[in-house]
Full PDB file with SEQRES, HELIX, SHEET, SSBOND, CRYST1, ORIGX, SCALE, CONECT and MASTER records, all heavy atoms in Angstrom:
SEQRES   1 A   38  SER VAL LEU LEU LEU SER LEU ALA ILE ILE PRO LYS GLY          
SEQRES   2 A   38  ARG THR GLY LEU ILE PRO GLY GLN LYS GLN CYS ASN ARG          
SEQRES   3 A   38  LEU LYS GLY VAL CYS LYS ASP GLY GLY CYS THR THR              
HELIX    1 AA1 VAL A    2  ILE A    9  1                                   8    
HELIX    2 AA2 PRO A   19  ARG A   26  1                                   8    
CRYST1    1.000    1.000    1.000  90.00  90.00  90.00 P 1           1          
ORIGX1      1.000000  0.000000  0.000000        0.00000                         
ORIGX2      0.000000  1.000000  0.000000        0.00000                         
ORIGX3      0.000000  0.000000  1.000000        0.00000                         
SCALE1      1.000000  0.000000  0.000000        0.00000                         
SCALE2      0.000000  1.000000  0.000000        0.00000                         
SCALE3      0.000000  0.000000  1.000000        0.00000                         
ATOM      1  N   SER A   1       0.825  -1.202   0.001  1.00  0.00           N  
ATOM      2  CA  SER A   1       0.000   0.000   0.002  1.00  0.00           C  
ATOM      3  C   SER A   1       0.868   1.262  -0.001  1.00  0.00           C  
ATOM      4  O   SER A   1       0.559   2.235  -0.690  1.00  0.00           O  
ATOM      5  CB  SER A   1      -0.957   0.003   1.185  1.00  0.00           C  
ATOM      6  OG  SER A   1      -0.231   0.017   2.388  1.00  0.00           O  
ATOM      7  N   VAL A   2       1.962   1.252   0.741  1.00  0.00           N  
ATOM      8  CA  VAL A   2       2.873   2.402   0.746  1.00  0.00           C  
ATOM      9  C   VAL A   2       3.524   2.557  -0.624  1.00  0.00           C  
ATOM     10  O   VAL A   2       3.667   3.669  -1.140  1.00  0.00           O  
ATOM     11  CB  VAL A   2       3.930   2.254   1.863  1.00  0.00           C  
ATOM     12  CG1 VAL A   2       5.028   3.292   1.718  1.00  0.00           C  
ATOM     13  CG2 VAL A   2       3.275   2.357   3.221  1.00  0.00           C  
ATOM     14  N   LEU A   3       3.903   1.474  -1.243  1.00  0.00           N  
ATOM     15  CA  LEU A   3       4.513   1.524  -2.562  1.00  0.00           C  
ATOM     16  C   LEU A   3       3.543   2.075  -3.601  1.00  0.00           C  
ATOM     17  O   LEU A   3       3.894   2.957  -4.393  1.00  0.00           O  
ATOM     18  CB  LEU A   3       4.998   0.129  -2.967  1.00  0.00           C  
ATOM     19  CG  LEU A   3       5.638   0.019  -4.341  1.00  0.00           C  
ATOM     20  CD1 LEU A   3       6.936   0.798  -4.384  1.00  0.00           C  
ATOM     21  CD2 LEU A   3       5.857  -1.431  -4.703  1.00  0.00           C  
ATOM     22  N   LEU A   4       2.330   1.604  -3.602  1.00  0.00           N  
ATOM     23  CA  LEU A   4       1.331   2.096  -4.554  1.00  0.00           C  
ATOM     24  C   LEU A   4       0.980   3.557  -4.304  1.00  0.00           C  
ATOM     25  O   LEU A   4       0.787   4.330  -5.241  1.00  0.00           O  
ATOM     26  CB  LEU A   4       0.088   1.225  -4.509  1.00  0.00           C  
ATOM     27  CG  LEU A   4       0.240  -0.168  -5.095  1.00  0.00           C  
ATOM     28  CD1 LEU A   4      -1.022  -0.977  -4.882  1.00  0.00           C  
ATOM     29  CD2 LEU A   4       0.596  -0.106  -6.561  1.00  0.00           C  
ATOM     30  N   LEU A   5       0.913   3.954  -3.052  1.00  0.00           N  
ATOM     31  CA  LEU A   5       0.638   5.341  -2.733  1.00  0.00           C  
ATOM     32  C   LEU A   5       1.773   6.251  -3.205  1.00  0.00           C  
ATOM     33  O   LEU A   5       1.536   7.314  -3.766  1.00  0.00           O  
ATOM     34  CB  LEU A   5       0.425   5.501  -1.230  1.00  0.00           C  
ATOM     35  CG  LEU A   5       0.107   6.921  -0.752  1.00  0.00           C  
ATOM     36  CD1 LEU A   5      -1.219   7.381  -1.330  1.00  0.00           C  
ATOM     37  CD2 LEU A   5       0.089   6.982   0.764  1.00  0.00           C  
ATOM     38  N   SER A   6       3.004   5.820  -2.992  1.00  0.00           N  
ATOM     39  CA  SER A   6       4.135   6.641  -3.418  1.00  0.00           C  
ATOM     40  C   SER A   6       4.200   6.737  -4.944  1.00  0.00           C  
ATOM     41  O   SER A   6       4.561   7.779  -5.483  1.00  0.00           O  
ATOM     42  CB  SER A   6       5.446   6.093  -2.856  1.00  0.00           C  
ATOM     43  OG  SER A   6       5.713   4.816  -3.400  1.00  0.00           O  
ATOM     44  N   LEU A   7       3.838   5.683  -5.645  1.00  0.00           N  
ATOM     45  CA  LEU A   7       3.814   5.741  -7.105  1.00  0.00           C  
ATOM     46  C   LEU A   7       2.721   6.673  -7.614  1.00  0.00           C  
ATOM     47  O   LEU A   7       2.870   7.321  -8.648  1.00  0.00           O  
ATOM     48  CB  LEU A   7       3.631   4.345  -7.699  1.00  0.00           C  
ATOM     49  CG  LEU A   7       4.829   3.413  -7.587  1.00  0.00           C  
ATOM     50  CD1 LEU A   7       4.466   2.027  -8.123  1.00  0.00           C  
ATOM     51  CD2 LEU A   7       6.017   3.970  -8.343  1.00  0.00           C  
ATOM     52  N   ALA A   8       1.623   6.738  -6.904  1.00  0.00           N  
ATOM     53  CA  ALA A   8       0.534   7.615  -7.305  1.00  0.00           C  
ATOM     54  C   ALA A   8       0.859   9.079  -7.043  1.00  0.00           C  
ATOM     55  O   ALA A   8       0.409   9.966  -7.766  1.00  0.00           O  
ATOM     56  CB  ALA A   8      -0.741   7.220  -6.573  1.00  0.00           C  
ATOM     57  N   ILE A   9       1.635   9.354  -6.005  1.00  0.00           N  
ATOM     58  CA  ILE A   9       1.942  10.733  -5.627  1.00  0.00           C  
ATOM     59  C   ILE A   9       3.060  11.319  -6.484  1.00  0.00           C  
ATOM     60  O   ILE A   9       3.026  12.494  -6.846  1.00  0.00           O  
ATOM     61  CB  ILE A   9       2.307  10.809  -4.130  1.00  0.00           C  
ATOM     62  CG1 ILE A   9       1.078  10.496  -3.286  1.00  0.00           C  
ATOM     63  CG2 ILE A   9       2.874  12.163  -3.767  1.00  0.00           C  
ATOM     64  CD1 ILE A   9       1.359  10.422  -1.808  1.00  0.00           C  
ATOM     65  N   ILE A  10       4.052  10.524  -6.836  1.00  0.00           N  
ATOM     66  CA  ILE A  10       5.203  11.016  -7.591  1.00  0.00           C  
ATOM     67  C   ILE A  10       4.750  11.404  -9.003  1.00  0.00           C  
ATOM     68  O   ILE A  10       4.164  10.593  -9.712  1.00  0.00           O  
ATOM     69  CB  ILE A  10       6.313   9.954  -7.660  1.00  0.00           C  
ATOM     70  CG1 ILE A  10       6.834   9.646  -6.267  1.00  0.00           C  
ATOM     71  CG2 ILE A  10       7.448  10.410  -8.582  1.00  0.00           C  
ATOM     72  CD1 ILE A  10       7.807   8.484  -6.222  1.00  0.00           C  
ATOM     73  N   PRO A  11       4.992  12.660  -9.422  1.00  0.00           N  
ATOM     74  CA  PRO A  11       4.575  13.067 -10.765  1.00  0.00           C  
ATOM     75  C   PRO A  11       5.433  12.406 -11.836  1.00  0.00           C  
ATOM     76  O   PRO A  11       6.620  12.150 -11.642  1.00  0.00           O  
ATOM     77  CB  PRO A  11       4.780  14.590 -10.758  1.00  0.00           C  
ATOM     78  CG  PRO A  11       5.834  14.808  -9.732  1.00  0.00           C  
ATOM     79  CD  PRO A  11       5.649  13.736  -8.696  1.00  0.00           C  
ATOM     80  N   LYS A  12       4.812  12.137 -12.950  1.00  0.00           N  
ATOM     81  CA  LYS A  12       5.533  11.530 -14.059  1.00  0.00           C  
ATOM     82  C   LYS A  12       6.318  12.614 -14.787  1.00  0.00           C  
ATOM     83  O   LYS A  12       5.799  13.691 -15.067  1.00  0.00           O  
ATOM     84  CB  LYS A  12       4.559  10.865 -15.015  1.00  0.00           C  
ATOM     85  CG  LYS A  12       3.900   9.654 -14.406  1.00  0.00           C  
ATOM     86  CD  LYS A  12       3.066   8.936 -15.426  1.00  0.00           C  
ATOM     87  CE  LYS A  12       2.650   7.594 -14.948  1.00  0.00           C  
ATOM     88  NZ  LYS A  12       1.601   7.517 -14.020  1.00  0.00           N  
ATOM     89  N   GLY A  13       7.574  12.336 -15.093  1.00  0.00           N  
ATOM     90  CA  GLY A  13       8.407  13.290 -15.801  1.00  0.00           C  
ATOM     91  C   GLY A  13       8.187  13.207 -17.301  1.00  0.00           C  
ATOM     92  O   GLY A  13       7.673  12.223 -17.824  1.00  0.00           O  
ATOM     93  N   ARG A  14       8.568  14.256 -17.983  1.00  0.00           N  
ATOM     94  CA  ARG A  14       8.476  14.254 -19.434  1.00  0.00           C  
ATOM     95  C   ARG A  14       9.723  13.562 -19.973  1.00  0.00           C  
ATOM     96  O   ARG A  14      10.827  14.051 -19.791  1.00  0.00           O  
ATOM     97  CB  ARG A  14       8.393  15.674 -19.967  1.00  0.00           C  
ATOM     98  CG  ARG A  14       7.175  16.414 -19.464  1.00  0.00           C  
ATOM     99  CD  ARG A  14       7.122  17.774 -20.066  1.00  0.00           C  
ATOM    100  NE  ARG A  14       6.145  17.753 -21.138  1.00  0.00           N  
ATOM    101  CZ  ARG A  14       5.958  18.726 -21.986  1.00  0.00           C  
ATOM    102  NH1 ARG A  14       6.681  19.804 -21.910  1.00  0.00           N  
ATOM    103  NH2 ARG A  14       5.053  18.633 -22.928  1.00  0.00           N  
ATOM    104  N   THR A  15       9.543  12.466 -20.624  1.00  0.00           N  
ATOM    105  CA  THR A  15      10.672  11.743 -21.168  1.00  0.00           C  
ATOM    106  C   THR A  15      10.768  11.985 -22.660  1.00  0.00           C  
ATOM    107  O   THR A  15       9.806  12.366 -23.314  1.00  0.00           O  
ATOM    108  CB  THR A  15      10.518  10.233 -20.918  1.00  0.00           C  
ATOM    109  OG1 THR A  15       9.319   9.799 -21.546  1.00  0.00           O  
ATOM    110  CG2 THR A  15      10.490   9.927 -19.443  1.00  0.00           C  
ATOM    111  N   GLY A  16      11.942  11.778 -23.195  1.00  0.00           N  
ATOM    112  CA  GLY A  16      12.131  11.900 -24.624  1.00  0.00           C  
ATOM    113  C   GLY A  16      12.428  13.304 -25.114  1.00  0.00           C  
ATOM    114  O   GLY A  16      12.505  13.527 -26.306  1.00  0.00           O  
ATOM    115  N   LEU A  17      12.589  14.262 -24.232  1.00  0.00           N  
ATOM    116  CA  LEU A  17      12.911  15.616 -24.657  1.00  0.00           C  
ATOM    117  C   LEU A  17      14.417  15.826 -24.588  1.00  0.00           C  
ATOM    118  O   LEU A  17      15.070  15.413 -23.638  1.00  0.00           O  
ATOM    119  CB  LEU A  17      12.232  16.642 -23.750  1.00  0.00           C  
ATOM    120  CG  LEU A  17      10.719  16.738 -23.844  1.00  0.00           C  
ATOM    121  CD1 LEU A  17      10.216  17.755 -22.828  1.00  0.00           C  
ATOM    122  CD2 LEU A  17      10.277  17.138 -25.218  1.00  0.00           C  
ATOM    123  N   ILE A  18      14.959  16.469 -25.613  1.00  0.00           N  
ATOM    124  CA  ILE A  18      16.375  16.799 -25.586  1.00  0.00           C  
ATOM    125  C   ILE A  18      16.565  18.020 -24.689  1.00  0.00           C  
ATOM    126  O   ILE A  18      15.603  18.751 -24.422  1.00  0.00           O  
ATOM    127  CB  ILE A  18      16.921  17.040 -27.005  1.00  0.00           C  
ATOM    128  CG1 ILE A  18      16.179  18.173 -27.702  1.00  0.00           C  
ATOM    129  CG2 ILE A  18      16.856  15.782 -27.832  1.00  0.00           C  
ATOM    130  CD1 ILE A  18      16.760  18.539 -29.042  1.00  0.00           C  
ATOM    131  N   PRO A  19      17.774  18.285 -24.195  1.00  0.00           N  
ATOM    132  CA  PRO A  19      17.975  19.376 -23.235  1.00  0.00           C  
ATOM    133  C   PRO A  19      17.504  20.745 -23.718  1.00  0.00           C  
ATOM    134  O   PRO A  19      16.982  21.520 -22.933  1.00  0.00           O  
ATOM    135  CB  PRO A  19      19.484  19.366 -23.009  1.00  0.00           C  
ATOM    136  CG  PRO A  19      19.891  17.966 -23.270  1.00  0.00           C  
ATOM    137  CD  PRO A  19      18.979  17.481 -24.363  1.00  0.00           C  
ATOM    138  N   GLY A  20      17.655  21.054 -24.995  1.00  0.00           N  
ATOM    139  CA  GLY A  20      17.198  22.352 -25.508  1.00  0.00           C  
ATOM    140  C   GLY A  20      15.690  22.496 -25.420  1.00  0.00           C  
ATOM    141  O   GLY A  20      15.167  23.564 -25.111  1.00  0.00           O  
ATOM    142  N   GLN A  21      14.969  21.409 -25.680  1.00  0.00           N  
ATOM    143  CA  GLN A  21      13.516  21.450 -25.587  1.00  0.00           C  
ATOM    144  C   GLN A  21      13.063  21.551 -24.139  1.00  0.00           C  
ATOM    145  O   GLN A  21      12.082  22.220 -23.836  1.00  0.00           O  
ATOM    146  CB  GLN A  21      12.910  20.211 -26.239  1.00  0.00           C  
ATOM    147  CG  GLN A  21      13.034  20.202 -27.742  1.00  0.00           C  
ATOM    148  CD  GLN A  21      12.524  18.911 -28.347  1.00  0.00           C  
ATOM    149  OE1 GLN A  21      12.456  17.889 -27.680  1.00  0.00           O  
ATOM    150  NE2 GLN A  21      12.187  18.948 -29.613  1.00  0.00           N  
ATOM    151  N   LYS A  22      13.779  20.888 -23.229  1.00  0.00           N  
ATOM    152  CA  LYS A  22      13.432  20.991 -21.811  1.00  0.00           C  
ATOM    153  C   LYS A  22      13.577  22.430 -21.333  1.00  0.00           C  
ATOM    154  O   LYS A  22      12.724  22.954 -20.631  1.00  0.00           O  
ATOM    155  CB  LYS A  22      14.335  20.084 -20.980  1.00  0.00           C  
ATOM    156  CG  LYS A  22      14.006  18.627 -21.067  1.00  0.00           C  
ATOM    157  CD  LYS A  22      14.929  17.833 -20.164  1.00  0.00           C  
ATOM    158  CE  LYS A  22      14.719  16.352 -20.333  1.00  0.00           C  
ATOM    159  NZ  LYS A  22      15.665  15.578 -19.519  1.00  0.00           N  
ATOM    160  N   GLN A  23      14.683  23.072 -21.723  1.00  0.00           N  
ATOM    161  CA  GLN A  23      14.896  24.449 -21.313  1.00  0.00           C  
ATOM    162  C   GLN A  23      13.827  25.354 -21.908  1.00  0.00           C  
ATOM    163  O   GLN A  23      13.316  26.246 -21.236  1.00  0.00           O  
ATOM    164  CB  GLN A  23      16.276  24.922 -21.744  1.00  0.00           C  
ATOM    165  CG  GLN A  23      16.547  26.351 -21.326  1.00  0.00           C  
ATOM    166  CD  GLN A  23      17.899  26.827 -21.778  1.00  0.00           C  
ATOM    167  OE1 GLN A  23      18.566  26.171 -22.566  1.00  0.00           O  
ATOM    168  NE2 GLN A  23      18.309  27.967 -21.297  1.00  0.00           N  
ATOM    169  N   CYS A  24      13.463  25.102 -23.146  1.00  0.00           N  
ATOM    170  CA  CYS A  24      12.435  25.900 -23.802  1.00  0.00           C  
ATOM    171  C   CYS A  24      11.097  25.745 -23.092  1.00  0.00           C  
ATOM    172  O   CYS A  24      10.384  26.720 -22.869  1.00  0.00           O  
ATOM    173  CB  CYS A  24      12.322  25.486 -25.266  1.00  0.00           C  
ATOM    174  SG  CYS A  24      11.283  26.565 -26.256  1.00  0.00           S  
ATOM    175  N   ASN A  25      10.751  24.533 -22.700  1.00  0.00           N  
ATOM    176  CA  ASN A  25       9.496  24.308 -21.980  1.00  0.00           C  
ATOM    177  C   ASN A  25       9.507  24.982 -20.622  1.00  0.00           C  
ATOM    178  O   ASN A  25       8.499  25.512 -20.183  1.00  0.00           O  
ATOM    179  CB  ASN A  25       9.241  22.811 -21.815  1.00  0.00           C  
ATOM    180  CG  ASN A  25       8.806  22.169 -23.110  1.00  0.00           C  
ATOM    181  OD1 ASN A  25       8.346  22.830 -24.015  1.00  0.00           O  
ATOM    182  ND2 ASN A  25       8.971  20.869 -23.190  1.00  0.00           N  
ATOM    183  N   ARG A  26      10.638  24.960 -19.939  1.00  0.00           N  
ATOM    184  CA  ARG A  26      10.726  25.606 -18.623  1.00  0.00           C  
ATOM    185  C   ARG A  26      10.565  27.121 -18.731  1.00  0.00           C  
ATOM    186  O   ARG A  26      10.071  27.763 -17.812  1.00  0.00           O  
ATOM    187  CB  ARG A  26      12.061  25.299 -17.961  1.00  0.00           C  
ATOM    188  CG  ARG A  26      12.135  23.917 -17.408  1.00  0.00           C  
ATOM    189  CD  ARG A  26      13.385  23.730 -16.571  1.00  0.00           C  
ATOM    190  NE  ARG A  26      13.680  22.315 -16.478  1.00  0.00           N  
ATOM    191  CZ  ARG A  26      14.799  21.757 -16.894  1.00  0.00           C  
ATOM    192  NH1 ARG A  26      15.750  22.503 -17.405  1.00  0.00           N  
ATOM    193  NH2 ARG A  26      14.980  20.464 -16.784  1.00  0.00           N  
ATOM    194  N   LEU A  27      11.003  27.697 -19.848  1.00  0.00           N  
ATOM    195  CA  LEU A  27      10.900  29.141 -20.049  1.00  0.00           C  
ATOM    196  C   LEU A  27       9.597  29.546 -20.709  1.00  0.00           C  
ATOM    197  O   LEU A  27       9.452  30.671 -21.163  1.00  0.00           O  
ATOM    198  CB  LEU A  27      12.080  29.621 -20.907  1.00  0.00           C  
ATOM    199  CG  LEU A  27      13.457  29.479 -20.279  1.00  0.00           C  
ATOM    200  CD1 LEU A  27      14.530  29.838 -21.290  1.00  0.00           C  
ATOM    201  CD2 LEU A  27      13.570  30.343 -19.043  1.00  0.00           C  
ATOM    202  N   LYS A  28       8.638  28.628 -20.793  1.00  0.00           N  
ATOM    203  CA  LYS A  28       7.321  28.874 -21.386  1.00  0.00           C  
ATOM    204  C   LYS A  28       7.415  29.224 -22.862  1.00  0.00           C  
ATOM    205  O   LYS A  28       6.670  30.054 -23.368  1.00  0.00           O  
ATOM    206  CB  LYS A  28       6.574  29.996 -20.650  1.00  0.00           C  
ATOM    207  CG  LYS A  28       6.475  29.836 -19.170  1.00  0.00           C  
ATOM    208  CD  LYS A  28       5.446  28.810 -18.795  1.00  0.00           C  
ATOM    209  CE  LYS A  28       5.194  28.844 -17.314  1.00  0.00           C  
ATOM    210  NZ  LYS A  28       5.537  27.634 -16.631  1.00  0.00           N  
ATOM    211  N   GLY A  29       8.351  28.577 -23.559  1.00  0.00           N  
ATOM    212  CA  GLY A  29       8.525  28.818 -24.978  1.00  0.00           C  
ATOM    213  C   GLY A  29       8.020  27.652 -25.820  1.00  0.00           C  
ATOM    214  O   GLY A  29       7.558  26.641 -25.306  1.00  0.00           O  
ATOM    215  N   VAL A  30       8.121  27.826 -27.152  1.00  0.00           N  
ATOM    216  CA  VAL A  30       7.694  26.815 -28.112  1.00  0.00           C  
ATOM    217  C   VAL A  30       8.812  26.630 -29.128  1.00  0.00           C  
ATOM    218  O   VAL A  30       9.355  27.603 -29.630  1.00  0.00           O  
ATOM    219  CB  VAL A  30       6.404  27.263 -28.828  1.00  0.00           C  
ATOM    220  CG1 VAL A  30       5.981  26.257 -29.866  1.00  0.00           C  
ATOM    221  CG2 VAL A  30       5.297  27.515 -27.840  1.00  0.00           C  
ATOM    222  N   CYS A  31       9.142  25.375 -29.436  1.00  0.00           N  
ATOM    223  CA  CYS A  31      10.146  25.095 -30.458  1.00  0.00           C  
ATOM    224  C   CYS A  31       9.492  25.200 -31.834  1.00  0.00           C  
ATOM    225  O   CYS A  31       8.486  24.537 -32.092  1.00  0.00           O  
ATOM    226  CB  CYS A  31      10.721  23.696 -30.264  1.00  0.00           C  
ATOM    227  SG  CYS A  31      11.708  23.540 -28.771  1.00  0.00           S  
ATOM    228  N   LYS A  32      10.053  26.039 -32.712  1.00  0.00           N  
ATOM    229  CA  LYS A  32       9.470  26.253 -34.032  1.00  0.00           C  
ATOM    230  C   LYS A  32      10.525  26.064 -35.109  1.00  0.00           C  
ATOM    231  O   LYS A  32      11.689  26.413 -34.927  1.00  0.00           O  
ATOM    232  CB  LYS A  32       8.927  27.676 -34.148  1.00  0.00           C  
ATOM    233  CG  LYS A  32       7.707  27.927 -33.316  1.00  0.00           C  
ATOM    234  CD  LYS A  32       7.128  29.271 -33.676  1.00  0.00           C  
ATOM    235  CE  LYS A  32       5.786  29.431 -33.023  1.00  0.00           C  
ATOM    236  NZ  LYS A  32       5.133  30.648 -33.463  1.00  0.00           N  
ATOM    237  N   ASP A  33      10.080  25.535 -36.242  1.00  0.00           N  
ATOM    238  CA  ASP A  33      10.955  25.433 -37.410  1.00  0.00           C  
ATOM    239  C   ASP A  33      11.178  26.827 -37.983  1.00  0.00           C  
ATOM    240  O   ASP A  33      10.301  27.683 -37.937  1.00  0.00           O  
ATOM    241  CB  ASP A  33      10.322  24.547 -38.481  1.00  0.00           C  
ATOM    242  CG  ASP A  33      10.329  23.084 -38.099  1.00  0.00           C  
ATOM    243  OD1 ASP A  33      11.273  22.665 -37.409  1.00  0.00           O  
ATOM    244  OD2 ASP A  33       9.389  22.368 -38.482  1.00  0.00           O  
ATOM    245  N   GLY A  34      12.326  27.056 -38.553  1.00  0.00           N  
ATOM    246  CA  GLY A  34      12.602  28.345 -39.171  1.00  0.00           C  
ATOM    247  C   GLY A  34      12.967  29.388 -38.144  1.00  0.00           C  
ATOM    248  O   GLY A  34      14.052  29.393 -37.593  1.00  0.00           O  
ATOM    249  N   GLY A  35      12.055  30.287 -37.876  1.00  0.00           N  
ATOM    250  CA  GLY A  35      12.337  31.352 -36.933  1.00  0.00           C  
ATOM    251  C   GLY A  35      11.096  31.802 -36.205  1.00  0.00           C  
ATOM    252  O   GLY A  35      10.026  31.215 -36.330  1.00  0.00           O  
ATOM    253  N   CYS A  36      11.256  32.867 -35.457  1.00  0.00           N  
ATOM    254  CA  CYS A  36      10.160  33.396 -34.653  1.00  0.00           C  
ATOM    255  C   CYS A  36       9.411  34.463 -35.444  1.00  0.00           C  
ATOM    256  O   CYS A  36       9.966  35.092 -36.338  1.00  0.00           O  
ATOM    257  CB  CYS A  36      10.708  34.006 -33.371  1.00  0.00           C  
ATOM    258  SG  CYS A  36      11.685  32.852 -32.391  1.00  0.00           S  
ATOM    259  N   THR A  37       8.149  34.667 -35.096  1.00  0.00           N  
ATOM    260  CA  THR A  37       7.360  35.710 -35.753  1.00  0.00           C  
ATOM    261  C   THR A  37       7.691  37.062 -35.135  1.00  0.00           C  
ATOM    262  O   THR A  37       8.498  37.167 -34.222  1.00  0.00           O  
ATOM    263  CB  THR A  37       5.850  35.415 -35.599  1.00  0.00           C  
ATOM    264  OG1 THR A  37       5.527  35.432 -34.206  1.00  0.00           O  
ATOM    265  CG2 THR A  37       5.491  34.073 -36.199  1.00  0.00           C  
ATOM    266  N   THR A  38       7.038  38.102 -35.624  1.00  0.00           N  
ATOM    267  CA  THR A  38       7.343  39.451 -35.153  1.00  0.00           C  
ATOM    268  C   THR A  38       6.875  39.700 -33.730  1.00  0.00           C  
ATOM    269  O   THR A  38       7.401  40.588 -33.059  1.00  0.00           O  
ATOM    270  CB  THR A  38       6.694  40.497 -36.079  1.00  0.00           C  
ATOM    271  OG1 THR A  38       5.293  40.235 -36.144  1.00  0.00           O  
ATOM    272  CG2 THR A  38       7.302  40.431 -37.467  1.00  0.00           C  
TER     273      THR A  38                                                      
MASTER        0    0    0    2    0    0    0    6  272    1    0    3          
END                                                                             
């Protein structure tokens, strides 16, 4: 019961993101092809 409770409480991390995308997500940004708009 303690094991199941701890698994339910621990948030799932985002896997599969490269470090640049992680930093972009933390800064509330979006990865875009090409460049940024005005």
